[in-house]
Amino acid sequence: MENEIEQISYHSMAVEGGPGEAVRILDSLAEAGVKFHSFSAAPQISGSTQLDLVAQDPDALESSAAELNLPLSERKAIFLLRSYNQPASYLDRLMRDDVSIVSVNGALIAVEPADVRKAANLLNVVGSRSQISDDVVDEASEGSFPASDPPSFNAGTAA
């Protein structure tokens, strides 16, 4: 299988009540028929848990979250790598062109909103299902992906 990179969407939400509540929410979304490419849950300093949700059908996630009265974030862009052999080469390509990488989680690369189009061009993205508006969302906010502070991939400088 050839390497394939697709621009898709993800959402996040802060969940009070710890990991048990996060599991309950994921179960409720699954029972509503939402299927995921990926999800993560991480504790926050505030005591809440942040869920990052990469649904196969973002419309279904948004609809189900609204029905369940869940505090879902706006859609954010992310890149899904499929059947890739050298993921570091993709990161290197982005860093050489000053794309600000927010996080890398397995086969998912999140970049700053202002860099989405640039990253899509650099990565030769085969398709876009993210339907992201041109409004810039602060990815460094508490609602960013992943739940922890992003590592400094664009370094060259010591932290």
C-alpha atoms as a PDB file:
ATOM      1  CA  MET A   1       0.000   0.000   0.000  1.00  0.00           C
ATOM      2  CA  GLU A   2       1.254   3.466  -0.915  1.00  0.00           C
ATOM      3  CA  ASN A   3       1.756   6.128   1.712  1.00  0.00           C
ATOM      4  CA  GLU A   4      -1.368   8.218   2.081  1.00  0.00           C
ATOM      5  CA  ILE A   5      -1.900  11.371   4.098  1.00  0.00           C
ATOM      6  CA  GLU A   6      -5.343  12.820   4.581  1.00  0.00           C
ATOM      7  CA  GLN A   7      -6.463  16.030   6.260  1.00  0.00           C
ATOM      8  CA  ILE A   8      -9.275  15.186   8.676  1.00  0.00           C
ATOM      9  CA  SER A   9     -10.913  16.795  11.713  1.00  0.00           C
ATOM     10  CA  TYR A  10     -10.752  16.345  15.442  1.00  0.00           C
ATOM     11  CA  HIS A  11     -12.516  17.784  18.450  1.00  0.00           C
ATOM     12  CA  SER A  12     -11.620  18.028  22.104  1.00  0.00           C
ATOM     13  CA  MET A  13     -13.461  18.488  25.370  1.00  0.00           C
ATOM     14  CA  ALA A  14     -12.647  18.868  29.035  1.00  0.00           C
ATOM     15  CA  VAL A  15     -14.385  16.318  31.225  1.00  0.00           C
ATOM     16  CA  GLU A  16     -14.902  16.777  34.944  1.00  0.00           C
ATOM     17  CA  GLY A  17     -14.898  13.667  37.103  1.00  0.00           C
ATOM     18  CA  GLY A  18     -11.734  11.942  35.964  1.00  0.00           C
ATOM     19  CA  PRO A  19     -11.095   8.894  33.790  1.00  0.00           C
ATOM     20  CA  GLY A  20     -14.322   7.118  34.748  1.00  0.00           C
ATOM     21  CA  GLU A  21     -16.381   9.978  33.333  1.00  0.00           C
ATOM     22  CA  ALA A  22     -14.242  10.006  30.174  1.00  0.00           C
ATOM     23  CA  VAL A  23     -14.971   6.290  29.677  1.00  0.00           C
ATOM     24  CA  ARG A  24     -18.697   6.906  30.241  1.00  0.00           C
ATOM     25  CA  ILE A  25     -18.671   9.627  27.571  1.00  0.00           C
ATOM     26  CA  LEU A  26     -16.778   7.453  25.078  1.00  0.00           C
ATOM     27  CA  ASP A  27     -19.233   4.606  25.721  1.00  0.00           C
ATOM     28  CA  SER A  28     -22.191   6.959  25.199  1.00  0.00           C
ATOM     29  CA  LEU A  29     -20.766   8.222  21.913  1.00  0.00           C
ATOM     30  CA  ALA A  30     -20.063   4.659  20.742  1.00  0.00           C
ATOM     31  CA  GLU A  31     -23.625   3.624  21.649  1.00  0.00           C
ATOM     32  CA  ALA A  32     -24.837   6.568  19.544  1.00  0.00           C
ATOM     33  CA  GLY A  33     -22.948   5.080  16.589  1.00  0.00           C
ATOM     34  CA  VAL A  34     -19.877   7.330  16.559  1.00  0.00           C
ATOM     35  CA  LYS A  35     -16.772   5.545  15.233  1.00  0.00           C
ATOM     36  CA  PHE A  36     -13.263   6.826  15.834  1.00  0.00           C
ATOM     37  CA  HIS A  37      -9.978   6.855  13.957  1.00  0.00           C
ATOM     38  CA  SER A  38      -8.375   7.698  17.294  1.00  0.00           C
ATOM     39  CA  PHE A  39      -9.004   9.200  20.708  1.00  0.00           C
ATOM     40  CA  SER A  40      -6.921  10.081  23.707  1.00  0.00           C
ATOM     41  CA  ALA A  41      -7.668  10.974  27.302  1.00  0.00           C
ATOM     42  CA  ALA A  42      -5.204  12.747  29.569  1.00  0.00           C
ATOM     43  CA  PRO A  43      -5.465  14.255  33.034  1.00  0.00           C
ATOM     44  CA  GLN A  44      -5.138  18.007  33.379  1.00  0.00           C
ATOM     45  CA  ILE A  45      -3.576  19.996  36.213  1.00  0.00           C
ATOM     46  CA  SER A  46      -7.065  21.333  36.979  1.00  0.00           C
ATOM     47  CA  GLY A  47      -8.227  17.809  37.862  1.00  0.00           C
ATOM     48  CA  SER A  48     -10.316  17.408  34.726  1.00  0.00           C
ATOM     49  CA  THR A  49      -9.600  14.983  31.882  1.00  0.00           C
ATOM     50  CA  GLN A  50      -9.143  16.165  28.316  1.00  0.00           C
ATOM     51  CA  LEU A  51     -10.567  13.996  25.554  1.00  0.00           C
ATOM     52  CA  ASP A  52      -9.268  14.414  22.022  1.00  0.00           C
ATOM     53  CA  LEU A  53     -11.616  12.740  19.533  1.00  0.00           C
ATOM     54  CA  VAL A  54     -10.811  11.927  15.911  1.00  0.00           C
ATOM     55  CA  ALA A  55     -14.139  10.646  14.567  1.00  0.00           C
ATOM     56  CA  GLN A  56     -14.568   8.934  11.223  1.00  0.00           C
ATOM     57  CA  ASP A  57     -17.658  11.098  10.700  1.00  0.00           C
ATOM     58  CA  PRO A  58     -17.281  14.501  12.422  1.00  0.00           C
ATOM     59  CA  ASP A  59     -20.921  15.386  11.673  1.00  0.00           C
ATOM     60  CA  ALA A  60     -22.072  12.281  13.588  1.00  0.00           C
ATOM     61  CA  LEU A  61     -19.810  13.202  16.506  1.00  0.00           C
ATOM     62  CA  GLU A  62     -21.119  16.780  16.590  1.00  0.00           C
ATOM     63  CA  SER A  63     -24.741  15.629  16.393  1.00  0.00           C
ATOM     64  CA  SER A  64     -24.315  12.966  19.078  1.00  0.00           C
ATOM     65  CA  ALA A  65     -22.378  15.329  21.356  1.00  0.00           C
ATOM     66  CA  ALA A  66     -25.163  17.912  21.045  1.00  0.00           C
ATOM     67  CA  GLU A  67     -27.815  15.279  21.867  1.00  0.00           C
ATOM     68  CA  LEU A  68     -25.776  14.182  24.891  1.00  0.00           C
ATOM     69  CA  ASN A  69     -25.169  17.826  25.894  1.00  0.00           C
ATOM     70  CA  LEU A  70     -21.372  17.401  25.748  1.00  0.00           C
ATOM     71  CA  PRO A  71     -19.050  20.457  25.572  1.00  0.00           C
ATOM     72  CA  LEU A  72     -17.382  19.671  22.245  1.00  0.00           C
ATOM     73  CA  SER A  73     -14.818  22.078  20.772  1.00  0.00           C
ATOM     74  CA  GLU A  74     -14.942  23.477  17.259  1.00  0.00           C
ATOM     75  CA  ARG A  75     -13.487  21.312  14.482  1.00  0.00           C
ATOM     76  CA  LYS A  76      -9.729  21.457  14.175  1.00  0.00           C
ATOM     77  CA  ALA A  77      -7.549  20.108  11.381  1.00  0.00           C
ATOM     78  CA  ILE A  78      -5.208  17.143  11.782  1.00  0.00           C
ATOM     79  CA  PHE A  79      -3.320  14.951   9.323  1.00  0.00           C
ATOM     80  CA  LEU A  80      -3.809  11.173   9.278  1.00  0.00           C
ATOM     81  CA  LEU A  81      -0.873   9.138   7.950  1.00  0.00           C
ATOM     82  CA  ARG A  82      -1.743   5.695   6.585  1.00  0.00           C
ATOM     83  CA  SER A  83       0.792   3.000   5.742  1.00  0.00           C
ATOM     84  CA  TYR A  84       3.780   5.223   6.278  1.00  0.00           C
ATOM     85  CA  ASN A  85       7.300   3.843   6.534  1.00  0.00           C
ATOM     86  CA  GLN A  86       9.272   6.899   7.553  1.00  0.00           C
ATOM     87  CA  PRO A  87       7.127   9.285   9.622  1.00  0.00           C
ATOM     88  CA  ALA A  88      10.168  11.345  10.627  1.00  0.00           C
ATOM     89  CA  SER A  89      10.641  12.385   6.988  1.00  0.00           C
ATOM     90  CA  TYR A  90       7.194  14.025   7.043  1.00  0.00           C
ATOM     91  CA  LEU A  91       8.012  15.869  10.263  1.00  0.00           C
ATOM     92  CA  ASP A  92      11.342  16.963   8.826  1.00  0.00           C
ATOM     93  CA  ARG A  93       9.626  18.308   5.697  1.00  0.00           C
ATOM     94  CA  LEU A  94       7.256  20.384   7.828  1.00  0.00           C
ATOM     95  CA  MET A  95       9.985  21.702  10.128  1.00  0.00           C
ATOM     96  CA  ARG A  96      12.236  22.713   7.192  1.00  0.00           C
ATOM     97  CA  ASP A  97       9.401  24.957   5.971  1.00  0.00           C
ATOM     98  CA  ASP A  98       8.700  26.405   9.428  1.00  0.00           C
ATOM     99  CA  VAL A  99       5.351  24.666   9.997  1.00  0.00           C
ATOM    100  CA  SER A 100       4.609  24.801  13.703  1.00  0.00           C
ATOM    101  CA  ILE A 101       3.872  21.240  14.825  1.00  0.00           C
ATOM    102  CA  VAL A 102       1.533  21.114  17.812  1.00  0.00           C
ATOM    103  CA  SER A 103       1.733  17.364  18.469  1.00  0.00           C
ATOM    104  CA  VAL A 104       2.373  13.950  17.017  1.00  0.00           C
ATOM    105  CA  ASN A 105       0.259  11.043  18.244  1.00  0.00           C
ATOM    106  CA  GLY A 106       0.925   7.804  16.418  1.00  0.00           C
ATOM    107  CA  ALA A 107      -0.122   8.430  12.840  1.00  0.00           C
ATOM    108  CA  LEU A 108      -1.678  11.842  13.570  1.00  0.00           C
ATOM    109  CA  ILE A 109       0.122  15.163  13.121  1.00  0.00           C
ATOM    110  CA  ALA A 110      -1.478  18.339  14.478  1.00  0.00           C
ATOM    111  CA  VAL A 111      -0.166  21.711  13.277  1.00  0.00           C
ATOM    112  CA  GLU A 112      -1.010  25.289  14.132  1.00  0.00           C
ATOM    113  CA  PRO A 113      -4.224  26.402  12.369  1.00  0.00           C
ATOM    114  CA  ALA A 114      -2.384  29.060  10.402  1.00  0.00           C
ATOM    115  CA  ASP A 115      -0.136  26.322   8.962  1.00  0.00           C
ATOM    116  CA  VAL A 116      -2.844  23.838   7.856  1.00  0.00           C
ATOM    117  CA  ARG A 117      -2.863  24.740   4.154  1.00  0.00           C
ATOM    118  CA  LYS A 118       0.918  24.984   4.006  1.00  0.00           C
ATOM    119  CA  ALA A 119       1.306  21.580   5.701  1.00  0.00           C
ATOM    120  CA  ALA A 120      -1.286  20.011   3.386  1.00  0.00           C
ATOM    121  CA  ASN A 121       0.687  21.215   0.364  1.00  0.00           C
ATOM    122  CA  LEU A 122       4.041  20.107   1.775  1.00  0.00           C
ATOM    123  CA  LEU A 123       2.683  16.645   2.620  1.00  0.00           C
ATOM    124  CA  ASN A 124       0.887  16.195  -0.728  1.00  0.00           C
ATOM    125  CA  VAL A 125      -2.349  15.465   1.108  1.00  0.00           C
ATOM    126  CA  VAL A 126      -4.662  13.219  -0.955  1.00  0.00           C
ATOM    127  CA  GLY A 127      -7.919  14.500   0.460  1.00  0.00           C
ATOM    128  CA  SER A 128      -9.472  16.805   2.971  1.00  0.00           C
ATOM    129  CA  ARG A 129     -12.498  15.896   5.035  1.00  0.00           C
ATOM    130  CA  SER A 130     -11.856  18.385   7.806  1.00  0.00           C
ATOM    131  CA  GLN A 131     -14.148  21.235   6.676  1.00  0.00           C
ATOM    132  CA  ILE A 132     -12.187  23.698   8.782  1.00  0.00           C
ATOM    133  CA  SER A 133     -13.108  27.356   8.588  1.00  0.00           C
ATOM    134  CA  ASP A 134     -10.507  30.012   7.946  1.00  0.00           C
ATOM    135  CA  ASP A 135     -10.924  31.255  11.518  1.00  0.00           C
ATOM    136  CA  VAL A 136      -7.749  30.629  13.470  1.00  0.00           C
ATOM    137  CA  VAL A 137      -8.271  28.647  16.677  1.00  0.00           C
ATOM    138  CA  ASP A 138      -5.702  28.960  19.446  1.00  0.00           C
ATOM    139  CA  GLU A 139      -4.224  25.439  19.436  1.00  0.00           C
ATOM    140  CA  ALA A 140      -2.104  26.308  22.457  1.00  0.00           C
ATOM    141  CA  SER A 141      -5.234  26.772  24.537  1.00  0.00           C
ATOM    142  CA  GLU A 142      -6.446  24.239  27.075  1.00  0.00           C
ATOM    143  CA  GLY A 143      -8.543  22.722  24.261  1.00  0.00           C
ATOM    144  CA  SER A 144      -5.542  21.842  22.132  1.00  0.00           C
ATOM    145  CA  PHE A 145      -4.473  18.402  20.936  1.00  0.00           C
ATOM    146  CA  PRO A 146      -3.009  16.489  22.649  1.00  0.00           C
ATOM    147  CA  ALA A 147      -4.092  17.121  26.178  1.00  0.00           C
ATOM    148  CA  SER A 148      -0.600  17.851  27.474  1.00  0.00           C
ATOM    149  CA  ASP A 149       1.689  20.734  26.622  1.00  0.00           C
ATOM    150  CA  PRO A 150       3.064  20.199  23.115  1.00  0.00           C
ATOM    151  CA  PRO A 151       6.706  19.209  22.790  1.00  0.00           C
ATOM    152  CA  SER A 152       8.991  21.559  20.941  1.00  0.00           C
ATOM    153  CA  PHE A 153       9.451  19.777  17.609  1.00  0.00           C
ATOM    154  CA  ASN A 154      10.557  22.961  15.885  1.00  0.00           C
ATOM    155  CA  ALA A 155      13.488  23.234  18.190  1.00  0.00           C
ATOM    156  CA  GLY A 156      17.072  23.485  17.444  1.00  0.00           C
ATOM    157  CA  THR A 157      17.064  25.298  20.741  1.00  0.00           C
ATOM    158  CA  ALA A 158      17.329  23.761  24.160  1.00  0.00           C
ATOM    159  CA  ALA A 159      14.299  24.041  26.397  1.00  0.00           C
END
